[in-house]
């Protein structure tokens, strides 16, 4: 399997059988409360739940390895940037200063700063599995019908569906052009230097753009022939009606969200302060 293809993978797990609307609602509720809360205990709980759901969804590691590595690098850079620009942010946040090691100028290492950055790191591990589960277990058409079901215009919903369908297509086109370039003697593997690979990859951009424009023209003509947008509403062949399992999933997500909100009052705010 190509580890750079990011899109729906058909399967028959319990998560795949959930309605797209259910998955969208649960994803939004859990993501919002995780990004809002800084209660370490709650974040660890959601992280564990996310990893369990990821295992249940049976998403192969090969399909997500590239995304996970990219997010991991971004997370490390973000944590370093936080420390570089605000090395005492945790101290000001928790109104405490437990020195671990004295540094140069204001760059001292404190428990409060490490604890704050730990919370930021946990947020990535909480939300990324949820996002991957949603992307890999929800077909674009089902996702579009979910958006339309919660009140978003079907034209906007269908545009989102086309965009999601286009991601694997453009990745496949990139790989095809890359293989064609290598067949012509242009080295783009790890044998070449980083500079040579970047230069060779940049030469793929123009063929990729022209290929994308041809696809857009084809899709536009097909939609016009089918009189897309002439009616105020439309039906969705991929829409799944609600079942008991959908209600259970939404209720569980709502309970977790309420628990996160309740901890705001327990902690006197969004932050859990063990100091």
C-alpha atoms as a PDB file:
ATOM      1  CA  UNK A   1       0.000   0.000   0.000  1.00  0.00           C
ATOM      2  CA  UNK A   2       1.254   3.457  -0.790  1.00  0.00           C
ATOM      3  CA  UNK A   3       1.851   5.205   2.516  1.00  0.00           C
ATOM      4  CA  UNK A   4       1.240   8.612   0.976  1.00  0.00           C
ATOM      5  CA  UNK A   5      -2.355   8.014  -0.033  1.00  0.00           C
ATOM      6  CA  UNK A   6      -4.636   9.847   2.375  1.00  0.00           C
ATOM      7  CA  UNK A   7      -8.270   8.907   1.974  1.00  0.00           C
ATOM      8  CA  UNK A   8     -11.138   6.572   2.692  1.00  0.00           C
ATOM      9  CA  UNK A   9     -10.342   2.878   3.179  1.00  0.00           C
ATOM     10  CA  UNK A  10     -13.329   0.593   2.841  1.00  0.00           C
ATOM     11  CA  UNK A  11     -13.815  -1.890   5.672  1.00  0.00           C
ATOM     12  CA  UNK A  12     -16.580  -3.417   7.810  1.00  0.00           C
ATOM     13  CA  UNK A  13     -15.629  -2.381  11.344  1.00  0.00           C
ATOM     14  CA  UNK A  14     -18.098  -0.997  13.865  1.00  0.00           C
ATOM     15  CA  UNK A  15     -16.753   2.511  13.230  1.00  0.00           C
ATOM     16  CA  UNK A  16     -17.188   2.152   9.466  1.00  0.00           C
ATOM     17  CA  UNK A  17     -20.813   1.177  10.051  1.00  0.00           C
ATOM     18  CA  UNK A  18     -21.567   4.411  11.900  1.00  0.00           C
ATOM     19  CA  UNK A  19     -23.426   7.116  10.021  1.00  0.00           C
ATOM     20  CA  UNK A  20     -21.254   9.860   8.567  1.00  0.00           C
ATOM     21  CA  UNK A  21     -23.318  12.402  10.502  1.00  0.00           C
ATOM     22  CA  UNK A  22     -22.593  10.543  13.729  1.00  0.00           C
ATOM     23  CA  UNK A  23     -18.865  10.451  13.066  1.00  0.00           C
ATOM     24  CA  UNK A  24     -18.839  14.148  12.207  1.00  0.00           C
ATOM     25  CA  UNK A  25     -20.744  15.145  15.368  1.00  0.00           C
ATOM     26  CA  UNK A  26     -18.585  12.953  17.614  1.00  0.00           C
ATOM     27  CA  UNK A  27     -15.390  14.191  15.999  1.00  0.00           C
ATOM     28  CA  UNK A  28     -16.376  17.842  16.417  1.00  0.00           C
ATOM     29  CA  UNK A  29     -17.441  17.425  20.055  1.00  0.00           C
ATOM     30  CA  UNK A  30     -14.330  15.530  21.120  1.00  0.00           C
ATOM     31  CA  UNK A  31     -11.938  17.721  19.139  1.00  0.00           C
ATOM     32  CA  UNK A  32     -13.367  20.975  20.523  1.00  0.00           C
ATOM     33  CA  UNK A  33     -13.278  19.833  24.150  1.00  0.00           C
ATOM     34  CA  UNK A  34      -9.749  18.432  23.774  1.00  0.00           C
ATOM     35  CA  UNK A  35      -8.438  21.638  22.200  1.00  0.00           C
ATOM     36  CA  UNK A  36     -10.150  23.692  24.914  1.00  0.00           C
ATOM     37  CA  UNK A  37      -9.164  21.680  27.977  1.00  0.00           C
ATOM     38  CA  UNK A  38      -5.740  21.653  29.610  1.00  0.00           C
ATOM     39  CA  UNK A  39      -6.620  19.033  32.220  1.00  0.00           C
ATOM     40  CA  UNK A  40      -3.829  16.468  31.871  1.00  0.00           C
ATOM     41  CA  UNK A  41      -5.903  13.655  33.339  1.00  0.00           C
ATOM     42  CA  UNK A  42      -8.744  14.277  30.894  1.00  0.00           C
ATOM     43  CA  UNK A  43      -6.363  14.568  27.932  1.00  0.00           C
ATOM     44  CA  UNK A  44      -4.687  11.267  28.824  1.00  0.00           C
ATOM     45  CA  UNK A  45      -8.109   9.622  28.998  1.00  0.00           C
ATOM     46  CA  UNK A  46      -9.144  10.915  25.560  1.00  0.00           C
ATOM     47  CA  UNK A  47      -5.752   9.912  24.120  1.00  0.00           C
ATOM     48  CA  UNK A  48      -6.205   6.363  25.368  1.00  0.00           C
ATOM     49  CA  UNK A  49      -9.748   6.279  23.976  1.00  0.00           C
ATOM     50  CA  UNK A  50      -8.529   7.618  20.611  1.00  0.00           C
ATOM     51  CA  UNK A  51      -5.854   4.936  20.338  1.00  0.00           C
ATOM     52  CA  UNK A  52      -8.374   2.211  21.207  1.00  0.00           C
ATOM     53  CA  UNK A  53     -10.778   3.503  18.548  1.00  0.00           C
ATOM     54  CA  UNK A  54      -7.905   3.682  16.071  1.00  0.00           C
ATOM     55  CA  UNK A  55      -7.175   0.011  16.753  1.00  0.00           C
ATOM     56  CA  UNK A  56     -10.864  -0.914  16.369  1.00  0.00           C
ATOM     57  CA  UNK A  57     -11.030   0.932  13.026  1.00  0.00           C
ATOM     58  CA  UNK A  58      -8.280  -1.384  11.699  1.00  0.00           C
ATOM     59  CA  UNK A  59      -6.479   1.400   9.855  1.00  0.00           C
ATOM     60  CA  UNK A  60      -3.147   0.031   8.570  1.00  0.00           C
ATOM     61  CA  UNK A  61      -0.030   1.784   9.790  1.00  0.00           C
ATOM     62  CA  UNK A  62       1.289   2.028   6.221  1.00  0.00           C
ATOM     63  CA  UNK A  63      -1.628   4.298   5.341  1.00  0.00           C
ATOM     64  CA  UNK A  64      -0.987   6.811   8.126  1.00  0.00           C
ATOM     65  CA  UNK A  65       2.767   6.581   8.766  1.00  0.00           C
ATOM     66  CA  UNK A  66       3.610   9.505   6.492  1.00  0.00           C
ATOM     67  CA  UNK A  67       0.980  11.763   8.103  1.00  0.00           C
ATOM     68  CA  UNK A  68       1.948  10.735  11.640  1.00  0.00           C
ATOM     69  CA  UNK A  69       5.644  11.424  10.985  1.00  0.00           C
ATOM     70  CA  UNK A  70       4.824  14.807   9.471  1.00  0.00           C
ATOM     71  CA  UNK A  71       2.611  15.765  12.436  1.00  0.00           C
ATOM     72  CA  UNK A  72       5.274  14.522  14.874  1.00  0.00           C
ATOM     73  CA  UNK A  73       7.911  16.766  13.282  1.00  0.00           C
ATOM     74  CA  UNK A  74       5.477  19.703  13.319  1.00  0.00           C
ATOM     75  CA  UNK A  75       4.621  19.045  16.981  1.00  0.00           C
ATOM     76  CA  UNK A  76       8.303  19.002  17.983  1.00  0.00           C
ATOM     77  CA  UNK A  77       8.931  22.270  16.121  1.00  0.00           C
ATOM     78  CA  UNK A  78       5.875  23.803  17.789  1.00  0.00           C
ATOM     79  CA  UNK A  79       7.032  22.766  21.271  1.00  0.00           C
ATOM     80  CA  UNK A  80      10.505  24.154  20.605  1.00  0.00           C
ATOM     81  CA  UNK A  81       9.016  27.407  19.318  1.00  0.00           C
ATOM     82  CA  UNK A  82       6.907  27.755  22.477  1.00  0.00           C
ATOM     83  CA  UNK A  83       9.989  27.398  24.650  1.00  0.00           C
ATOM     84  CA  UNK A  84      12.095  29.752  22.515  1.00  0.00           C
ATOM     85  CA  UNK A  85       9.543  32.575  22.496  1.00  0.00           C
ATOM     86  CA  UNK A  86       7.914  32.005  25.917  1.00  0.00           C
ATOM     87  CA  UNK A  87      10.231  29.930  28.171  1.00  0.00           C
ATOM     88  CA  UNK A  88       8.417  31.166  31.308  1.00  0.00           C
ATOM     89  CA  UNK A  89       4.841  30.828  30.031  1.00  0.00           C
ATOM     90  CA  UNK A  90       4.140  27.834  32.257  1.00  0.00           C
ATOM     91  CA  UNK A  91       5.469  29.712  35.274  1.00  0.00           C
ATOM     92  CA  UNK A  92       3.101  32.624  34.672  1.00  0.00           C
ATOM     93  CA  UNK A  93       0.238  30.249  33.901  1.00  0.00           C
ATOM     94  CA  UNK A  94       0.478  28.134  37.060  1.00  0.00           C
ATOM     95  CA  UNK A  95       1.712  30.955  39.360  1.00  0.00           C
ATOM     96  CA  UNK A  96       4.575  28.775  40.530  1.00  0.00           C
ATOM     97  CA  UNK A  97       8.259  28.295  39.688  1.00  0.00           C
ATOM     98  CA  UNK A  98       9.947  24.954  40.351  1.00  0.00           C
ATOM     99  CA  UNK A  99      13.438  25.249  38.906  1.00  0.00           C
ATOM    100  CA  UNK A 100      14.994  22.125  37.373  1.00  0.00           C
ATOM    101  CA  UNK A 101      18.073  23.692  35.842  1.00  0.00           C
ATOM    102  CA  UNK A 102      19.309  27.265  35.659  1.00  0.00           C
ATOM    103  CA  UNK A 103      19.841  28.446  32.101  1.00  0.00           C
ATOM    104  CA  UNK A 104      21.254  31.389  30.209  1.00  0.00           C
ATOM    105  CA  UNK A 105      19.229  34.542  30.743  1.00  0.00           C
ATOM    106  CA  UNK A 106      15.526  33.731  30.839  1.00  0.00           C
ATOM    107  CA  UNK A 107      16.013  30.246  29.378  1.00  0.00           C
ATOM    108  CA  UNK A 108      15.777  28.236  32.570  1.00  0.00           C
ATOM    109  CA  UNK A 109      14.137  24.819  32.713  1.00  0.00           C
ATOM    110  CA  UNK A 110      11.135  24.651  35.032  1.00  0.00           C
ATOM    111  CA  UNK A 111       8.619  21.963  35.914  1.00  0.00           C
ATOM    112  CA  UNK A 112       5.750  24.305  35.084  1.00  0.00           C
ATOM    113  CA  UNK A 113       6.979  24.936  31.554  1.00  0.00           C
ATOM    114  CA  UNK A 114       7.560  21.228  30.946  1.00  0.00           C
ATOM    115  CA  UNK A 115       4.109  20.436  32.310  1.00  0.00           C
ATOM    116  CA  UNK A 116       2.465  22.997  30.027  1.00  0.00           C
ATOM    117  CA  UNK A 117       4.311  21.691  26.969  1.00  0.00           C
ATOM    118  CA  UNK A 118       3.366  18.137  27.968  1.00  0.00           C
ATOM    119  CA  UNK A 119      -0.289  19.181  27.794  1.00  0.00           C
ATOM    120  CA  UNK A 120       0.254  20.700  24.350  1.00  0.00           C
ATOM    121  CA  UNK A 121       1.933  17.482  23.168  1.00  0.00           C
ATOM    122  CA  UNK A 122      -0.880  15.312  24.526  1.00  0.00           C
ATOM    123  CA  UNK A 123      -3.385  17.386  22.551  1.00  0.00           C
ATOM    124  CA  UNK A 124      -1.726  16.215  19.325  1.00  0.00           C
ATOM    125  CA  UNK A 125      -1.944  12.579  20.371  1.00  0.00           C
ATOM    126  CA  UNK A 126      -5.592  13.078  21.354  1.00  0.00           C
ATOM    127  CA  UNK A 127      -6.865  14.756  18.201  1.00  0.00           C
ATOM    128  CA  UNK A 128      -4.713  13.264  15.424  1.00  0.00           C
ATOM    129  CA  UNK A 129      -6.039   9.679  15.880  1.00  0.00           C
ATOM    130  CA  UNK A 130      -9.600  11.047  15.927  1.00  0.00           C
ATOM    131  CA  UNK A 131      -9.004  12.984  12.715  1.00  0.00           C
ATOM    132  CA  UNK A 132      -7.410   9.972  11.005  1.00  0.00           C
ATOM    133  CA  UNK A 133     -10.263   7.717  12.086  1.00  0.00           C
ATOM    134  CA  UNK A 134     -12.767  10.151  10.616  1.00  0.00           C
ATOM    135  CA  UNK A 135     -10.855  10.558   7.330  1.00  0.00           C
ATOM    136  CA  UNK A 136     -10.141   6.870   6.772  1.00  0.00           C
ATOM    137  CA  UNK A 137     -13.543   5.503   7.799  1.00  0.00           C
ATOM    138  CA  UNK A 138     -15.830   8.046   6.096  1.00  0.00           C
ATOM    139  CA  UNK A 139     -16.280   8.074   2.334  1.00  0.00           C
ATOM    140  CA  UNK A 140     -16.332  11.546   0.711  1.00  0.00           C
ATOM    141  CA  UNK A 141     -19.940  11.150  -0.453  1.00  0.00           C
ATOM    142  CA  UNK A 142     -21.050  10.068   3.013  1.00  0.00           C
ATOM    143  CA  UNK A 143     -19.187  13.009   4.535  1.00  0.00           C
ATOM    144  CA  UNK A 144     -20.920  15.397   2.127  1.00  0.00           C
ATOM    145  CA  UNK A 145     -24.316  13.978   3.042  1.00  0.00           C
ATOM    146  CA  UNK A 146     -23.407  14.427   6.722  1.00  0.00           C
ATOM    147  CA  UNK A 147     -22.607  18.102   6.203  1.00  0.00           C
ATOM    148  CA  UNK A 148     -25.872  18.566   4.332  1.00  0.00           C
ATOM    149  CA  UNK A 149     -27.744  16.754   7.094  1.00  0.00           C
ATOM    150  CA  UNK A 150     -26.543  19.230   9.755  1.00  0.00           C
ATOM    151  CA  UNK A 151     -27.739  22.192   7.680  1.00  0.00           C
ATOM    152  CA  UNK A 152     -24.854  23.080   5.346  1.00  0.00           C
ATOM    153  CA  UNK A 153     -25.792  23.801   1.720  1.00  0.00           C
ATOM    154  CA  UNK A 154     -25.529  20.757  -0.506  1.00  0.00           C
ATOM    155  CA  UNK A 155     -23.414  22.765  -2.958  1.00  0.00           C
ATOM    156  CA  UNK A 156     -20.821  23.453  -0.257  1.00  0.00           C
ATOM    157  CA  UNK A 157     -21.089  19.855   0.954  1.00  0.00           C
ATOM    158  CA  UNK A 158     -20.500  18.508  -2.524  1.00  0.00           C
ATOM    159  CA  UNK A 159     -17.505  20.828  -2.977  1.00  0.00           C
ATOM    160  CA  UNK A 160     -15.964  19.355   0.175  1.00  0.00           C
ATOM    161  CA  UNK A 161     -16.657  15.862  -1.161  1.00  0.00           C
ATOM    162  CA  UNK A 162     -14.881  16.658  -4.431  1.00  0.00           C
ATOM    163  CA  UNK A 163     -11.914  18.096  -2.544  1.00  0.00           C
ATOM    164  CA  UNK A 164     -11.581  14.931  -0.444  1.00  0.00           C
ATOM    165  CA  UNK A 165     -11.860  12.744  -3.521  1.00  0.00           C
ATOM    166  CA  UNK A 166      -9.225  14.842  -5.247  1.00  0.00           C
ATOM    167  CA  UNK A 167      -6.531  14.349  -2.557  1.00  0.00           C
ATOM    168  CA  UNK A 168      -5.795  10.686  -3.446  1.00  0.00           C
ATOM    169  CA  UNK A 169      -6.080  11.522  -7.157  1.00  0.00           C
ATOM    170  CA  UNK A 170      -3.487  14.278  -7.018  1.00  0.00           C
ATOM    171  CA  UNK A 171      -1.184  12.051  -4.968  1.00  0.00           C
ATOM    172  CA  UNK A 172      -1.513   9.304  -7.569  1.00  0.00           C
ATOM    173  CA  UNK A 173      -0.820  11.812 -10.349  1.00  0.00           C
ATOM    174  CA  UNK A 174       2.272  13.031  -8.511  1.00  0.00           C
ATOM    175  CA  UNK A 175       3.567   9.479  -8.158  1.00  0.00           C
ATOM    176  CA  UNK A 176       2.876   8.729 -11.849  1.00  0.00           C
ATOM    177  CA  UNK A 177       4.742  11.850 -12.981  1.00  0.00           C
ATOM    178  CA  UNK A 178       7.554  11.037 -10.560  1.00  0.00           C
ATOM    179  CA  UNK A 179       7.921   7.501 -11.962  1.00  0.00           C
ATOM    180  CA  UNK A 180       7.851   8.864 -15.528  1.00  0.00           C
ATOM    181  CA  UNK A 181      10.627  11.320 -14.625  1.00  0.00           C
ATOM    182  CA  UNK A 182      12.719   8.548 -13.108  1.00  0.00           C
ATOM    183  CA  UNK A 183      12.213   6.465 -16.249  1.00  0.00           C
ATOM    184  CA  UNK A 184      13.761   9.358 -18.208  1.00  0.00           C
ATOM    185  CA  UNK A 185      16.862   9.216 -16.042  1.00  0.00           C
ATOM    186  CA  UNK A 186      16.014  11.912 -13.472  1.00  0.00           C
ATOM    187  CA  UNK A 187      17.153  10.573 -10.108  1.00  0.00           C
ATOM    188  CA  UNK A 188      14.591  11.260  -7.356  1.00  0.00           C
ATOM    189  CA  UNK A 189      15.315   8.443  -4.946  1.00  0.00           C
ATOM    190  CA  UNK A 190      17.362   8.623  -1.751  1.00  0.00           C
ATOM    191  CA  UNK A 191      20.487   8.029  -3.846  1.00  0.00           C
ATOM    192  CA  UNK A 192      20.349  11.682  -4.959  1.00  0.00           C
ATOM    193  CA  UNK A 193      21.185  14.592  -2.676  1.00  0.00           C
ATOM    194  CA  UNK A 194      18.422  16.537  -0.938  1.00  0.00           C
ATOM    195  CA  UNK A 195      18.977  19.523  -3.236  1.00  0.00           C
ATOM    196  CA  UNK A 196      18.715  17.384  -6.370  1.00  0.00           C
ATOM    197  CA  UNK A 197      15.527  15.751  -5.117  1.00  0.00           C
ATOM    198  CA  UNK A 198      13.957  19.121  -4.271  1.00  0.00           C
ATOM    199  CA  UNK A 199      14.857  20.496  -7.703  1.00  0.00           C
ATOM    200  CA  UNK A 200      13.491  17.405  -9.463  1.00  0.00           C
ATOM    201  CA  UNK A 201      10.295  17.509  -7.376  1.00  0.00           C
ATOM    202  CA  UNK A 202       9.746  21.186  -8.227  1.00  0.00           C
ATOM    203  CA  UNK A 203       9.801  20.264 -11.925  1.00  0.00           C
ATOM    204  CA  UNK A 204       6.747  18.072 -11.315  1.00  0.00           C
ATOM    205  CA  UNK A 205       4.610  21.054 -10.273  1.00  0.00           C
ATOM    206  CA  UNK A 206       3.742  22.311 -13.769  1.00  0.00           C
ATOM    207  CA  UNK A 207       2.668  18.913 -15.191  1.00  0.00           C
ATOM    208  CA  UNK A 208       0.676  18.366 -12.015  1.00  0.00           C
ATOM    209  CA  UNK A 209      -1.075  21.740 -12.374  1.00  0.00           C
ATOM    210  CA  UNK A 210      -2.026  21.094 -16.015  1.00  0.00           C
ATOM    211  CA  UNK A 211      -3.282  17.617 -15.129  1.00  0.00           C
ATOM    212  CA  UNK A 212      -5.377  19.127 -12.322  1.00  0.00           C
ATOM    213  CA  UNK A 213      -6.869  21.740 -14.674  1.00  0.00           C
ATOM    214  CA  UNK A 214      -7.890  18.997 -17.110  1.00  0.00           C
ATOM    215  CA  UNK A 215      -9.591  17.107 -14.280  1.00  0.00           C
ATOM    216  CA  UNK A 216     -11.431  20.237 -13.125  1.00  0.00           C
ATOM    217  CA  UNK A 217     -12.721  20.870 -16.647  1.00  0.00           C
ATOM    218  CA  UNK A 218     -13.916  17.279 -16.981  1.00  0.00           C
ATOM    219  CA  UNK A 219     -15.709  17.344 -13.617  1.00  0.00           C
ATOM    220  CA  UNK A 220     -17.313  20.737 -14.343  1.00  0.00           C
ATOM    221  CA  UNK A 221     -18.703  19.539 -17.665  1.00  0.00           C
ATOM    222  CA  UNK A 222     -20.032  16.331 -16.110  1.00  0.00           C
ATOM    223  CA  UNK A 223     -21.801  18.325 -13.364  1.00  0.00           C
ATOM    224  CA  UNK A 224     -23.328  20.731 -15.879  1.00  0.00           C
ATOM    225  CA  UNK A 225     -24.637  17.830 -17.965  1.00  0.00           C
ATOM    226  CA  UNK A 226     -26.310  16.442 -14.848  1.00  0.00           C
ATOM    227  CA  UNK A 227     -27.873  19.861 -14.104  1.00  0.00           C
ATOM    228  CA  UNK A 228     -26.062  20.176 -10.770  1.00  0.00           C
ATOM    229  CA  UNK A 229     -27.279  23.151  -8.737  1.00  0.00           C
ATOM    230  CA  UNK A 230     -30.580  23.604 -10.565  1.00  0.00           C
ATOM    231  CA  UNK A 231     -32.651  22.428  -7.593  1.00  0.00           C
ATOM    232  CA  UNK A 232     -32.644  23.757  -4.022  1.00  0.00           C
ATOM    233  CA  UNK A 233     -32.218  20.289  -2.483  1.00  0.00           C
ATOM    234  CA  UNK A 234     -30.844  16.933  -3.494  1.00  0.00           C
ATOM    235  CA  UNK A 235     -30.834  13.343  -2.298  1.00  0.00           C
ATOM    236  CA  UNK A 236     -27.774  11.318  -1.255  1.00  0.00           C
ATOM    237  CA  UNK A 237     -27.441   7.686  -2.245  1.00  0.00           C
ATOM    238  CA  UNK A 238     -24.627   7.237   0.292  1.00  0.00           C
ATOM    239  CA  UNK A 239     -26.552   8.612   3.277  1.00  0.00           C
ATOM    240  CA  UNK A 240     -26.984   6.175   6.175  1.00  0.00           C
ATOM    241  CA  UNK A 241     -29.998   6.543   8.469  1.00  0.00           C
ATOM    242  CA  UNK A 242     -29.460   6.695  12.225  1.00  0.00           C
ATOM    243  CA  UNK A 243     -29.393   3.417  14.145  1.00  0.00           C
ATOM    244  CA  UNK A 244     -29.068   2.539  17.831  1.00  0.00           C
ATOM    245  CA  UNK A 245     -25.296   2.366  17.563  1.00  0.00           C
ATOM    246  CA  UNK A 246     -25.241   5.950  16.256  1.00  0.00           C
ATOM    247  CA  UNK A 247     -27.241   7.191  19.228  1.00  0.00           C
ATOM    248  CA  UNK A 248     -24.928   5.313  21.626  1.00  0.00           C
ATOM    249  CA  UNK A 249     -21.828   6.848  20.009  1.00  0.00           C
ATOM    250  CA  UNK A 250     -23.252  10.379  20.201  1.00  0.00           C
ATOM    251  CA  UNK A 251     -24.344   9.911  23.823  1.00  0.00           C
ATOM    252  CA  UNK A 252     -20.883   8.633  24.845  1.00  0.00           C
ATOM    253  CA  UNK A 253     -19.185  11.545  23.069  1.00  0.00           C
ATOM    254  CA  UNK A 254     -21.608  13.972  24.729  1.00  0.00           C
ATOM    255  CA  UNK A 255     -20.855  12.479  28.171  1.00  0.00           C
ATOM    256  CA  UNK A 256     -17.103  12.855  27.580  1.00  0.00           C
ATOM    257  CA  UNK A 257     -17.644  16.450  26.435  1.00  0.00           C
ATOM    258  CA  UNK A 258     -19.761  17.250  29.512  1.00  0.00           C
ATOM    259  CA  UNK A 259     -17.086  15.665  31.720  1.00  0.00           C
ATOM    260  CA  UNK A 260     -14.465  17.937  30.170  1.00  0.00           C
ATOM    261  CA  UNK A 261     -16.696  20.980  30.770  1.00  0.00           C
ATOM    262  CA  UNK A 262     -17.376  19.866  34.358  1.00  0.00           C
ATOM    263  CA  UNK A 263     -13.640  19.750  35.029  1.00  0.00           C
ATOM    264  CA  UNK A 264     -13.499  23.470  34.186  1.00  0.00           C
ATOM    265  CA  UNK A 265     -15.502  24.183  37.340  1.00  0.00           C
ATOM    266  CA  UNK A 266     -13.501  21.661  39.380  1.00  0.00           C
ATOM    267  CA  UNK A 267     -10.169  23.208  38.313  1.00  0.00           C
ATOM    268  CA  UNK A 268     -11.470  26.768  38.443  1.00  0.00           C
ATOM    269  CA  UNK A 269     -10.709  27.168  34.732  1.00  0.00           C
ATOM    270  CA  UNK A 270      -9.391  25.269  31.735  1.00  0.00           C
ATOM    271  CA  UNK A 271      -6.038  24.428  33.353  1.00  0.00           C
ATOM    272  CA  UNK A 272      -5.329  21.631  35.807  1.00  0.00           C
ATOM    273  CA  UNK A 273      -2.719  22.944  38.259  1.00  0.00           C
ATOM    274  CA  UNK A 274      -0.855  20.261  40.265  1.00  0.00           C
ATOM    275  CA  UNK A 275       1.532  22.848  41.669  1.00  0.00           C
END
